Amino acid sequence: MPYPIKGKTALVTGANRGIGEAIVDALLAAGAAKVYAAARDAATLAPLKARHGWRVVMLRLDVTDPAQIAAAAAAAPDLQLLVNNAGIVGHSGGAFTDPKWLAAARQEMEVNYLGTFAVAQAFAPTLARNGGGAIVNIASIASLVNISLLASYSVSKAAVHSLTQATRMMLKAQGTQVFGVYPGPIDTRLAE
């Protein structure tokens, strides 16, 4: 089921570059009234603010920090569309026995999965108050087919896929639509 963008207020995590920055631009081009652009370092959102003026509200948001998540939820009481885009790749390549995989997996699960979960939980009541709204989780084709070069990242994105399915079922009664997006390789700084 499509979700109309025109006139809506959105929030995009990880909005300071790559896919997140492009999503903010696309939402505003599609007629979104306002976008809360969120990133760990709000100063990195200045180019979006310069391009779009008052239609972009810069928010400091580290999706692994409960206090920042709560502050963002309080700062965006008019939210209707949440785009969970923030994500990281902690390690790529190397032998299966490389100890870097486990450290990367912990970091990737914390940001990619638990961060997405925590932000969705924090904003679900706001979406309900504002008519249901929608949540979009940016997963990856790696959610569905593990890419061994990005083994632990793929696992974290598979968790996002499963979370998206659970969230859809659990928030259906409040009228919140939940979408998963599964891009393949994209030429971004993260891909470098």
C-alpha atoms as a PDB file:
ATOM      1  CA  MET A   1       0.000   0.000   0.000  1.00  0.00           C
ATOM      2  CA  PRO A   2       1.533   3.371  -0.977  1.00  0.00           C
ATOM      3  CA  TYR A   3       2.093   6.108   1.541  1.00  0.00           C
ATOM      4  CA  PRO A   4       1.543   9.706   0.374  1.00  0.00           C
ATOM      5  CA  ILE A   5       4.445  12.078   1.115  1.00  0.00           C
ATOM      6  CA  LYS A   6       2.914  15.440   0.206  1.00  0.00           C
ATOM      7  CA  GLY A   7       2.325  17.644   3.240  1.00  0.00           C
ATOM      8  CA  LYS A   8       3.818  15.141   5.688  1.00  0.00           C
ATOM      9  CA  THR A   9       6.431  15.705   8.389  1.00  0.00           C
ATOM     10  CA  ALA A  10       9.268  13.173   8.305  1.00  0.00           C
ATOM     11  CA  LEU A  11      12.400  12.293  10.225  1.00  0.00           C
ATOM     12  CA  VAL A  12      15.431  10.638   8.626  1.00  0.00           C
ATOM     13  CA  THR A  13      18.224   9.134  10.724  1.00  0.00           C
ATOM     14  CA  GLY A  14      21.738   9.177   9.300  1.00  0.00           C
ATOM     15  CA  ALA A  15      20.697  12.111   7.116  1.00  0.00           C
ATOM     16  CA  ASN A  16      24.099  13.772   6.841  1.00  0.00           C
ATOM     17  CA  ARG A  17      25.385  11.866   3.799  1.00  0.00           C
ATOM     18  CA  GLY A  18      24.809   9.112   1.267  1.00  0.00           C
ATOM     19  CA  ILE A  19      21.410   7.457   1.199  1.00  0.00           C
ATOM     20  CA  GLY A  20      20.088   9.509   4.129  1.00  0.00           C
ATOM     21  CA  GLU A  21      20.935  12.822   2.513  1.00  0.00           C
ATOM     22  CA  ALA A  22      19.371  11.656  -0.758  1.00  0.00           C
ATOM     23  CA  ILE A  23      16.223  10.576   1.099  1.00  0.00           C
ATOM     24  CA  VAL A  24      15.843  14.026   2.666  1.00  0.00           C
ATOM     25  CA  ASP A  25      16.219  15.667  -0.759  1.00  0.00           C
ATOM     26  CA  ALA A  26      13.707  13.210  -2.293  1.00  0.00           C
ATOM     27  CA  LEU A  27      11.136  13.667   0.471  1.00  0.00           C
ATOM     28  CA  LEU A  28      11.217  17.438   0.089  1.00  0.00           C
ATOM     29  CA  ALA A  29      11.060  17.171  -3.714  1.00  0.00           C
ATOM     30  CA  ALA A  30       7.991  14.928  -3.295  1.00  0.00           C
ATOM     31  CA  GLY A  31       6.244  17.618  -1.252  1.00  0.00           C
ATOM     32  CA  ALA A  32       7.012  16.760   2.370  1.00  0.00           C
ATOM     33  CA  ALA A  33       6.214  19.808   4.480  1.00  0.00           C
ATOM     34  CA  LYS A  34       9.186  19.391   6.818  1.00  0.00           C
ATOM     35  CA  VAL A  35      11.983  16.909   7.457  1.00  0.00           C
ATOM     36  CA  TYR A  36      13.831  16.438  10.712  1.00  0.00           C
ATOM     37  CA  ALA A  37      17.316  15.536   9.504  1.00  0.00           C
ATOM     38  CA  ALA A  38      19.127  13.582  12.200  1.00  0.00           C
ATOM     39  CA  ALA A  39      22.796  12.681  12.606  1.00  0.00           C
ATOM     40  CA  ARG A  40      25.302  12.072  15.408  1.00  0.00           C
ATOM     41  CA  ASP A  41      26.943  15.417  14.569  1.00  0.00           C
ATOM     42  CA  ALA A  42      24.220  17.952  13.743  1.00  0.00           C
ATOM     43  CA  ALA A  43      26.789  20.315  12.193  1.00  0.00           C
ATOM     44  CA  THR A  44      27.225  17.827   9.318  1.00  0.00           C
ATOM     45  CA  LEU A  45      23.618  18.547   8.331  1.00  0.00           C
ATOM     46  CA  ALA A  46      24.402  22.161   7.394  1.00  0.00           C
ATOM     47  CA  PRO A  47      24.445  21.476   3.609  1.00  0.00           C
ATOM     48  CA  LEU A  48      20.883  20.112   3.799  1.00  0.00           C
ATOM     49  CA  LYS A  49      19.781  23.124   5.816  1.00  0.00           C
ATOM     50  CA  ALA A  50      21.454  25.457   3.296  1.00  0.00           C
ATOM     51  CA  ARG A  51      19.673  23.755   0.391  1.00  0.00           C
ATOM     52  CA  HIS A  52      16.213  23.554   1.931  1.00  0.00           C
ATOM     53  CA  GLY A  53      16.004  26.294   4.554  1.00  0.00           C
ATOM     54  CA  TRP A  54      13.242  26.137   7.147  1.00  0.00           C
ATOM     55  CA  ARG A  55      11.897  22.854   5.726  1.00  0.00           C
ATOM     56  CA  VAL A  56      14.874  21.028   7.302  1.00  0.00           C
ATOM     57  CA  VAL A  57      15.186  20.861  11.076  1.00  0.00           C
ATOM     58  CA  MET A  58      18.598  19.602  12.190  1.00  0.00           C
ATOM     59  CA  LEU A  59      18.629  17.134  15.082  1.00  0.00           C
ATOM     60  CA  ARG A  60      21.528  15.577  16.951  1.00  0.00           C
ATOM     61  CA  LEU A  61      20.761  11.879  17.188  1.00  0.00           C
ATOM     62  CA  ASP A  62      23.020   8.964  17.907  1.00  0.00           C
ATOM     63  CA  VAL A  63      20.681   5.978  17.545  1.00  0.00           C
ATOM     64  CA  THR A  64      22.623   4.112  20.253  1.00  0.00           C
ATOM     65  CA  ASP A  65      22.070   6.817  22.892  1.00  0.00           C
ATOM     66  CA  PRO A  66      18.750   6.473  24.777  1.00  0.00           C
ATOM     67  CA  ALA A  67      18.846  10.095  26.018  1.00  0.00           C
ATOM     68  CA  GLN A  68      19.339  11.459  22.492  1.00  0.00           C
ATOM     69  CA  ILE A  69      16.549   9.225  21.173  1.00  0.00           C
ATOM     70  CA  ALA A  70      14.186  10.520  23.872  1.00  0.00           C
ATOM     71  CA  ALA A  71      15.196  14.116  23.138  1.00  0.00           C
ATOM     72  CA  ALA A  72      14.585  13.620  19.408  1.00  0.00           C
ATOM     73  CA  ALA A  73      11.154  12.128  20.081  1.00  0.00           C
ATOM     74  CA  ALA A  74      10.284  15.123  22.270  1.00  0.00           C
ATOM     75  CA  ALA A  75      11.558  17.552  19.603  1.00  0.00           C
ATOM     76  CA  ALA A  76       9.418  16.058  16.824  1.00  0.00           C
ATOM     77  CA  PRO A  77       5.843  15.832  18.177  1.00  0.00           C
ATOM     78  CA  ASP A  78       4.379  16.350  14.688  1.00  0.00           C
ATOM     79  CA  LEU A  79       6.129  13.356  13.099  1.00  0.00           C
ATOM     80  CA  GLN A  80       4.161  11.315  10.569  1.00  0.00           C
ATOM     81  CA  LEU A  81       6.909   9.418   8.707  1.00  0.00           C
ATOM     82  CA  LEU A  82      10.014   7.875  10.271  1.00  0.00           C
ATOM     83  CA  VAL A  83      12.868   6.719   8.032  1.00  0.00           C
ATOM     84  CA  ASN A  84      15.367   4.547   9.907  1.00  0.00           C
ATOM     85  CA  ASN A  85      18.433   4.931   7.724  1.00  0.00           C
ATOM     86  CA  ALA A  86      21.397   5.228  10.116  1.00  0.00           C
ATOM     87  CA  GLY A  87      23.802   2.367   9.681  1.00  0.00           C
ATOM     88  CA  ILE A  88      27.437   1.311   9.718  1.00  0.00           C
ATOM     89  CA  VAL A  89      29.805  -1.274   8.326  1.00  0.00           C
ATOM     90  CA  GLY A  90      32.244  -2.251  11.066  1.00  0.00           C
ATOM     91  CA  HIS A  91      34.495  -4.609   9.082  1.00  0.00           C
ATOM     92  CA  SER A  92      34.751  -6.105   5.639  1.00  0.00           C
ATOM     93  CA  GLY A  93      36.747  -8.919   4.120  1.00  0.00           C
ATOM     94  CA  GLY A  94      39.175 -11.239   5.815  1.00  0.00           C
ATOM     95  CA  ALA A  95      39.132 -14.798   7.049  1.00  0.00           C
ATOM     96  CA  PHE A  96      36.195 -16.172   9.015  1.00  0.00           C
ATOM     97  CA  THR A  97      38.481 -16.557  12.025  1.00  0.00           C
ATOM     98  CA  ASP A  98      39.531 -12.885  12.006  1.00  0.00           C
ATOM     99  CA  PRO A  99      38.672 -11.547  15.507  1.00  0.00           C
ATOM    100  CA  LYS A 100      37.639  -8.208  13.971  1.00  0.00           C
ATOM    101  CA  TRP A 101      34.368  -9.843  12.875  1.00  0.00           C
ATOM    102  CA  LEU A 102      33.049 -10.147  16.420  1.00  0.00           C
ATOM    103  CA  ALA A 103      33.842  -6.560  17.385  1.00  0.00           C
ATOM    104  CA  ALA A 104      32.274  -5.371  14.126  1.00  0.00           C
ATOM    105  CA  ALA A 105      29.214  -7.541  14.681  1.00  0.00           C
ATOM    106  CA  ARG A 106      28.613  -6.017  18.108  1.00  0.00           C
ATOM    107  CA  GLN A 107      28.893  -2.493  16.718  1.00  0.00           C
ATOM    108  CA  GLU A 108      26.754  -3.236  13.650  1.00  0.00           C
ATOM    109  CA  MET A 109      24.028  -4.901  15.712  1.00  0.00           C
ATOM    110  CA  GLU A 110      24.045  -1.958  18.135  1.00  0.00           C
ATOM    111  CA  VAL A 111      23.598   0.634  15.369  1.00  0.00           C
ATOM    112  CA  ASN A 112      21.878  -1.173  12.507  1.00  0.00           C
ATOM    113  CA  TYR A 113      19.458  -3.358  14.462  1.00  0.00           C
ATOM    114  CA  LEU A 114      19.124  -2.117  18.038  1.00  0.00           C
ATOM    115  CA  GLY A 115      19.308   1.538  16.991  1.00  0.00           C
ATOM    116  CA  THR A 116      16.531   1.003  14.442  1.00  0.00           C
ATOM    117  CA  PHE A 117      14.470  -0.829  17.059  1.00  0.00           C
ATOM    118  CA  ALA A 118      14.980   1.846  19.732  1.00  0.00           C
ATOM    119  CA  VAL A 119      14.109   4.737  17.424  1.00  0.00           C
ATOM    120  CA  ALA A 120      10.986   2.961  16.143  1.00  0.00           C
ATOM    121  CA  GLN A 121       9.886   2.274  19.730  1.00  0.00           C
ATOM    122  CA  ALA A 122      10.432   5.892  20.743  1.00  0.00           C
ATOM    123  CA  PHE A 123       8.427   7.313  17.841  1.00  0.00           C
ATOM    124  CA  ALA A 124       5.607   4.739  17.676  1.00  0.00           C
ATOM    125  CA  PRO A 125       3.443   6.652  20.204  1.00  0.00           C
ATOM    126  CA  THR A 126       3.962   9.903  18.272  1.00  0.00           C
ATOM    127  CA  LEU A 127       2.947   8.220  15.022  1.00  0.00           C
ATOM    128  CA  ALA A 128      -0.157   6.805  16.725  1.00  0.00           C
ATOM    129  CA  ARG A 129      -1.141  10.251  18.036  1.00  0.00           C
ATOM    130  CA  ASN A 130      -0.704  11.695  14.533  1.00  0.00           C
ATOM    131  CA  GLY A 131      -2.988   9.230  12.780  1.00  0.00           C
ATOM    132  CA  GLY A 132      -0.738   6.179  12.435  1.00  0.00           C
ATOM    133  CA  GLY A 133       1.828   7.349   9.919  1.00  0.00           C
ATOM    134  CA  ALA A 134       4.564   5.147   8.571  1.00  0.00           C
ATOM    135  CA  ILE A 135       7.974   3.717   9.370  1.00  0.00           C
ATOM    136  CA  VAL A 136      10.505   2.955   6.650  1.00  0.00           C
ATOM    137  CA  ASN A 137      13.465   0.773   7.610  1.00  0.00           C
ATOM    138  CA  ILE A 138      16.403   0.959   5.225  1.00  0.00           C
ATOM    139  CA  ALA A 139      17.694  -2.591   5.165  1.00  0.00           C
ATOM    140  CA  SER A 140      19.827  -3.984   2.320  1.00  0.00           C
ATOM    141  CA  ILE A 141      19.832  -6.736  -0.244  1.00  0.00           C
ATOM    142  CA  ALA A 142      22.344  -8.176   2.226  1.00  0.00           C
ATOM    143  CA  SER A 143      19.345  -8.674   4.556  1.00  0.00           C
ATOM    144  CA  LEU A 144      18.140 -11.431   2.272  1.00  0.00           C
ATOM    145  CA  VAL A 145      21.391 -12.889   0.899  1.00  0.00           C
ATOM    146  CA  ASN A 146      24.506 -12.800   3.058  1.00  0.00           C
ATOM    147  CA  ILE A 147      27.473 -11.180   1.354  1.00  0.00           C
ATOM    148  CA  SER A 148      30.533 -12.855   2.859  1.00  0.00           C
ATOM    149  CA  LEU A 149      32.679  -9.758   2.303  1.00  0.00           C
ATOM    150  CA  LEU A 150      30.253  -8.056   4.718  1.00  0.00           C
ATOM    151  CA  ALA A 151      29.319 -11.087   6.796  1.00  0.00           C
ATOM    152  CA  SER A 152      28.435  -9.412  10.093  1.00  0.00           C
ATOM    153  CA  TYR A 153      26.825  -6.394   8.384  1.00  0.00           C
ATOM    154  CA  SER A 154      24.609  -8.802   6.446  1.00  0.00           C
ATOM    155  CA  VAL A 155      23.549 -10.457   9.688  1.00  0.00           C
ATOM    156  CA  SER A 156      22.681  -7.084  11.245  1.00  0.00           C
ATOM    157  CA  LYS A 157      20.610  -6.161   8.205  1.00  0.00           C
ATOM    158  CA  ALA A 158      18.859  -9.559   8.313  1.00  0.00           C
ATOM    159  CA  ALA A 159      17.860  -8.581  11.849  1.00  0.00           C
ATOM    160  CA  VAL A 160      16.463  -5.297  10.458  1.00  0.00           C
ATOM    161  CA  HIS A 161      14.432  -7.322   7.930  1.00  0.00           C
ATOM    162  CA  SER A 162      12.978  -9.477  10.699  1.00  0.00           C
ATOM    163  CA  LEU A 163      12.340  -6.419  12.879  1.00  0.00           C
ATOM    164  CA  THR A 164      10.502  -4.766   9.987  1.00  0.00           C
ATOM    165  CA  GLN A 165       8.155  -7.742   9.729  1.00  0.00           C
ATOM    166  CA  ALA A 166       7.529  -7.791  13.490  1.00  0.00           C
ATOM    167  CA  THR A 167       6.999  -4.027  13.644  1.00  0.00           C
ATOM    168  CA  ARG A 168       4.482  -4.204  10.792  1.00  0.00           C
ATOM    169  CA  MET A 169       2.424  -6.781  12.692  1.00  0.00           C
ATOM    170  CA  MET A 170       2.744  -5.096  16.088  1.00  0.00           C
ATOM    171  CA  LEU A 171       1.835  -1.560  14.929  1.00  0.00           C
ATOM    172  CA  LYS A 172      -0.932  -2.505  12.503  1.00  0.00           C
ATOM    173  CA  ALA A 173      -3.641  -1.882  15.112  1.00  0.00           C
ATOM    174  CA  GLN A 174      -2.493   1.730  15.580  1.00  0.00           C
ATOM    175  CA  GLY A 175      -2.641   2.303  11.823  1.00  0.00           C
ATOM    176  CA  THR A 176       1.113   2.579  11.261  1.00  0.00           C
ATOM    177  CA  GLN A 177       2.321   1.290   7.918  1.00  0.00           C
ATOM    178  CA  VAL A 178       5.790  -0.300   8.023  1.00  0.00           C
ATOM    179  CA  PHE A 179       7.991  -0.656   4.947  1.00  0.00           C
ATOM    180  CA  GLY A 180      11.355  -2.296   4.339  1.00  0.00           C
ATOM    181  CA  VAL A 181      13.680  -0.984   1.624  1.00  0.00           C
ATOM    182  CA  TYR A 182      16.370  -3.327   0.266  1.00  0.00           C
ATOM    183  CA  PRO A 183      18.914  -1.466  -1.883  1.00  0.00           C
ATOM    184  CA  GLY A 184      21.813  -3.213  -3.545  1.00  0.00           C
ATOM    185  CA  PRO A 185      25.293  -1.683  -3.751  1.00  0.00           C
ATOM    186  CA  ILE A 186      25.206   2.125  -3.908  1.00  0.00           C
ATOM    187  CA  ASP A 187      28.203   4.349  -4.510  1.00  0.00           C
ATOM    188  CA  THR A 188      28.352   6.163  -1.164  1.00  0.00           C
ATOM    189  CA  ARG A 189      31.121   6.991   1.325  1.00  0.00           C
ATOM    190  CA  LEU A 190      30.004   3.963   3.347  1.00  0.00           C
ATOM    191  CA  ALA A 191      30.671   1.754   0.308  1.00  0.00           C
ATOM    192  CA  GLU A 192      34.217   3.117   0.044  1.00  0.00           C
END
